Amino acid sequence: MIWIKALLLIVLTFVPMIPAVLALPWISTAVLVSLLGFWMLDPSWGAWVYAGVCLNFLQWRAWQLHLKKLRMPLYVSSPSMAIQNGTSGEAAIGAIVGAVRSFIAGDVTGTCLGVVIAALLFGLQGILFPNLSVIAQACGHPFVTDEELARLLERIDYPTLLKFNRLARENGLSGPTLAAELANFVESERL
């Protein structure tokens, strides 16, 4: 029976439409509440379904930001990305609630799945679901004009921005110099 649940988890992890559904206002919350309700009613199967949906969401966002290297203007201006960012927090809280339900039911596997999914969603929040205002601040906002910010965002992807932020923290860069240093960094990365 466990192999059927594991197969279900793998299939749900790669179903292509789940991230699109989780980007729709109100529908994403309704889907999460429905999945959590299923987990409450049937802890032995609900944990696997919930985990598969959440893993799908995580792998899709990792693919978008880190492998496909989604450009930041698309990310920052997309309302669906902002909805997904909120949905990721809701999903993490739901995983905790589900883990408690599985623990009460005596389902150790369901409890472990809930804890792991909650840890992944909370732990990867800044890497896979970055806040749009934090991205703007990393590009020097509010010290740069909106036009300069837009030009910088056009030229940068998220992995490059993360790499620059790590170097900027190590070198103590902040404030108005951030945008100029980021522009230089992007040029040096393209060479």
Protein backbone atom coordinates (compact mmCIF):
# COMPACT_ATOMS: atom_id res chain seq x y z
CA MET A 1 0.00 0.00 0.00
CA ILE A 2 2.87 2.39 0.76
CA TRP A 3 4.22 2.05 -2.79
CA ILE A 4 0.85 3.23 -4.19
CA LYS A 5 1.00 6.30 -1.94
CA ALA A 6 4.60 6.96 -2.94
CA LEU A 7 3.66 6.64 -6.62
CA LEU A 8 0.78 9.07 -6.06
CA LEU A 9 3.20 11.52 -4.44
CA ILE A 10 5.57 11.28 -7.41
CA VAL A 11 2.76 11.75 -9.94
CA LEU A 12 1.37 14.76 -8.07
CA THR A 13 4.86 16.26 -7.86
CA PHE A 14 5.02 16.53 -11.65
CA VAL A 15 1.40 17.31 -12.69
CA PRO A 16 1.79 20.51 -14.73
CA MET A 17 -1.38 22.46 -13.82
CA ILE A 18 -1.00 22.67 -10.03
CA PRO A 19 1.15 25.85 -9.95
CA ALA A 20 -1.30 27.60 -12.29
CA VAL A 21 -4.20 26.81 -9.96
CA LEU A 22 -2.20 28.04 -6.97
CA ALA A 23 -1.68 31.39 -8.73
CA LEU A 24 -5.39 32.27 -8.88
CA PRO A 25 -6.86 34.54 -6.21
CA TRP A 26 -9.27 32.80 -3.82
CA ILE A 27 -9.03 29.55 -5.77
CA SER A 28 -5.55 28.84 -4.39
CA THR A 29 -6.85 29.22 -0.84
CA ALA A 30 -9.89 27.07 -1.61
CA VAL A 31 -7.65 24.35 -3.05
CA LEU A 32 -5.40 24.39 0.02
CA VAL A 33 -8.39 24.29 2.39
CA SER A 34 -9.86 21.37 0.41
CA LEU A 35 -6.56 19.47 0.51
CA LEU A 36 -6.21 20.14 4.22
CA GLY A 37 -9.82 19.04 4.75
CA PHE A 38 -9.05 15.78 2.97
CA TRP A 39 -6.01 15.37 5.22
CA MET A 40 -8.21 15.92 8.29
CA LEU A 41 -10.72 13.32 7.12
CA ASP A 42 -8.19 10.74 5.94
CA PRO A 43 -4.75 11.32 7.49
CA SER A 44 -3.19 8.26 5.86
CA TRP A 45 -3.90 9.40 2.27
CA GLY A 46 -4.31 13.13 2.80
CA ALA A 47 -0.71 13.63 3.85
CA TRP A 48 0.58 12.08 0.63
CA VAL A 49 -1.74 14.15 -1.58
CA TYR A 50 -0.92 17.39 0.26
CA ALA A 51 2.82 16.64 0.13
CA GLY A 52 2.66 15.89 -3.61
CA VAL A 53 0.91 19.18 -4.35
CA CYS A 54 3.38 21.14 -2.22
CA LEU A 55 6.40 19.42 -3.78
CA ASN A 56 4.98 20.23 -7.21
CA PHE A 57 4.71 23.86 -6.18
CA LEU A 58 8.28 23.91 -4.87
CA GLN A 59 9.82 22.21 -7.91
CA TRP A 60 7.94 24.48 -10.32
CA ARG A 61 9.10 27.64 -8.57
CA ALA A 62 12.69 26.34 -8.40
CA TRP A 63 12.53 25.60 -12.12
CA GLN A 64 11.12 29.07 -12.90
CA LEU A 65 13.59 31.08 -10.83
CA HIS A 66 16.77 29.01 -10.84
CA LEU A 67 16.77 26.83 -13.96
CA LYS A 68 14.71 28.82 -16.44
CA LYS A 69 16.17 32.01 -14.91
CA LEU A 70 12.96 34.00 -15.05
CA ARG A 71 13.71 37.68 -15.56
CA MET A 72 12.93 39.89 -12.63
CA PRO A 73 10.55 42.33 -14.40
CA LEU A 74 8.25 39.41 -15.15
CA TYR A 75 8.47 38.25 -11.55
CA VAL A 76 8.04 41.67 -9.95
CA SER A 77 5.14 42.76 -12.19
CA SER A 78 3.25 39.46 -12.10
CA PRO A 79 0.24 39.39 -9.75
CA SER A 80 0.20 35.59 -9.96
CA MET A 81 3.70 35.41 -8.46
CA ALA A 82 2.57 37.56 -5.53
CA ILE A 83 -0.45 35.28 -5.01
CA GLN A 84 1.81 32.21 -5.09
CA ASN A 85 4.10 33.82 -2.52
CA GLY A 86 1.14 34.16 -0.14
CA THR A 87 -0.06 30.67 -0.97
CA SER A 88 3.31 29.21 -0.01
CA GLY A 89 2.95 30.58 3.52
CA GLU A 90 -0.59 29.25 3.78
CA ALA A 91 0.59 25.84 2.55
CA ALA A 92 3.31 25.73 5.21
CA ILE A 93 0.80 26.47 7.97
CA GLY A 94 -1.52 23.84 6.51
CA ALA A 95 1.30 21.29 6.58
CA ILE A 96 1.83 21.96 10.28
CA VAL A 97 -1.90 21.54 10.99
CA GLY A 98 -1.94 18.34 8.95
CA ALA A 99 1.11 17.01 10.77
CA VAL A 100 -0.64 17.55 14.09
CA ARG A 101 -3.72 15.72 12.75
CA SER A 102 -1.59 12.80 11.58
CA PHE A 103 0.19 12.73 14.94
CA ILE A 104 -3.15 12.56 16.75
CA ALA A 105 -4.24 9.74 14.42
CA GLY A 106 -0.99 7.87 15.13
CA ASP A 107 0.19 8.10 11.52
CA VAL A 108 3.95 8.54 11.85
CA THR A 109 4.51 8.76 8.09
CA GLY A 110 1.89 11.49 7.70
CA THR A 111 3.38 13.40 10.62
CA CYS A 112 6.85 13.20 9.09
CA LEU A 113 5.55 14.27 5.67
CA GLY A 114 3.80 17.28 7.23
CA VAL A 115 6.88 18.33 9.19
CA VAL A 116 9.17 17.94 6.16
CA ILE A 117 6.83 19.89 3.86
CA ALA A 118 6.38 22.68 6.43
CA ALA A 119 10.16 22.85 6.95
CA LEU A 120 10.76 23.01 3.18
CA LEU A 121 8.14 25.69 2.63
CA PHE A 122 9.32 27.83 5.54
CA GLY A 123 13.03 27.17 4.94
CA LEU A 124 12.96 27.93 1.22
CA GLN A 125 10.66 30.94 1.51
CA GLY A 126 13.36 33.51 0.79
CA ILE A 127 14.96 31.48 -1.99
CA LEU A 128 11.89 30.29 -3.90
CA PHE A 129 9.23 32.82 -2.89
CA PRO A 130 11.07 36.14 -2.53
CA ASN A 131 9.16 39.26 -1.58
CA LEU A 132 8.83 41.73 -4.43
CA SER A 133 9.83 44.73 -2.28
CA VAL A 134 12.96 42.90 -1.10
CA ILE A 135 13.98 42.40 -4.73
CA ALA A 136 13.52 46.12 -5.37
CA GLN A 137 15.59 46.97 -2.27
CA ALA A 138 18.32 44.60 -3.42
CA CYS A 139 18.50 46.67 -6.62
CA GLY A 140 18.96 49.92 -4.69
CA HIS A 141 15.36 51.08 -4.30
CA PRO A 142 14.38 53.75 -3.03
CA PHE A 143 17.74 55.37 -3.84
CA VAL A 144 17.34 54.86 -7.59
CA THR A 145 14.65 56.15 -9.91
CA ASP A 146 11.93 53.85 -11.18
CA GLU A 147 13.51 53.96 -14.64
CA GLU A 148 16.91 52.88 -13.30
CA LEU A 149 15.26 50.13 -11.28
CA ALA A 150 13.37 48.90 -14.36
CA ARG A 151 16.60 48.87 -16.43
CA LEU A 152 18.40 46.86 -13.74
CA LEU A 153 15.54 44.38 -13.41
CA GLU A 154 15.55 43.86 -17.19
CA ARG A 155 19.16 42.73 -17.09
CA ILE A 156 19.11 40.44 -14.08
CA ASP A 157 17.80 37.02 -13.10
CA TYR A 158 17.22 35.76 -9.59
CA PRO A 159 20.32 33.53 -9.15
CA THR A 160 22.53 36.46 -10.19
CA LEU A 161 20.72 38.74 -7.74
CA LEU A 162 21.22 36.21 -4.92
CA LYS A 163 24.91 35.93 -5.76
CA PHE A 164 25.26 39.72 -5.77
CA ASN A 165 23.43 40.06 -2.45
CA ARG A 166 25.76 37.57 -0.81
CA LEU A 167 28.80 39.49 -2.08
CA ALA A 168 27.24 42.85 -1.12
CA ARG A 169 26.68 41.65 2.46
CA GLU A 170 30.25 40.38 2.67
CA ASN A 171 31.57 43.72 1.42
CA GLY A 172 29.19 45.86 3.50
CA LEU A 173 27.50 47.50 0.52
CA SER A 174 24.16 49.25 1.01
CA GLY A 175 22.18 52.34 0.12
CA PRO A 176 22.74 54.39 -3.03
CA THR A 177 25.86 52.50 -4.14
CA LEU A 178 23.95 49.23 -4.39
CA ALA A 179 22.39 49.89 -7.81
CA ALA A 180 25.68 51.01 -9.36
CA GLU A 181 27.55 48.02 -7.95
CA LEU A 182 24.78 45.68 -9.15
CA ALA A 183 25.02 47.14 -12.68
CA ASN A 184 28.81 46.59 -12.63
CA PHE A 185 28.31 43.07 -11.28
CA VAL A 186 25.83 42.19 -14.05
CA GLU A 187 28.27 43.46 -16.67
CA SER A 188 31.12 41.43 -15.18
CA GLU A 189 28.91 38.30 -15.08
CA ARG A 190 28.13 38.62 -18.81
CA LEU A 191 31.80 38.73 -19.83
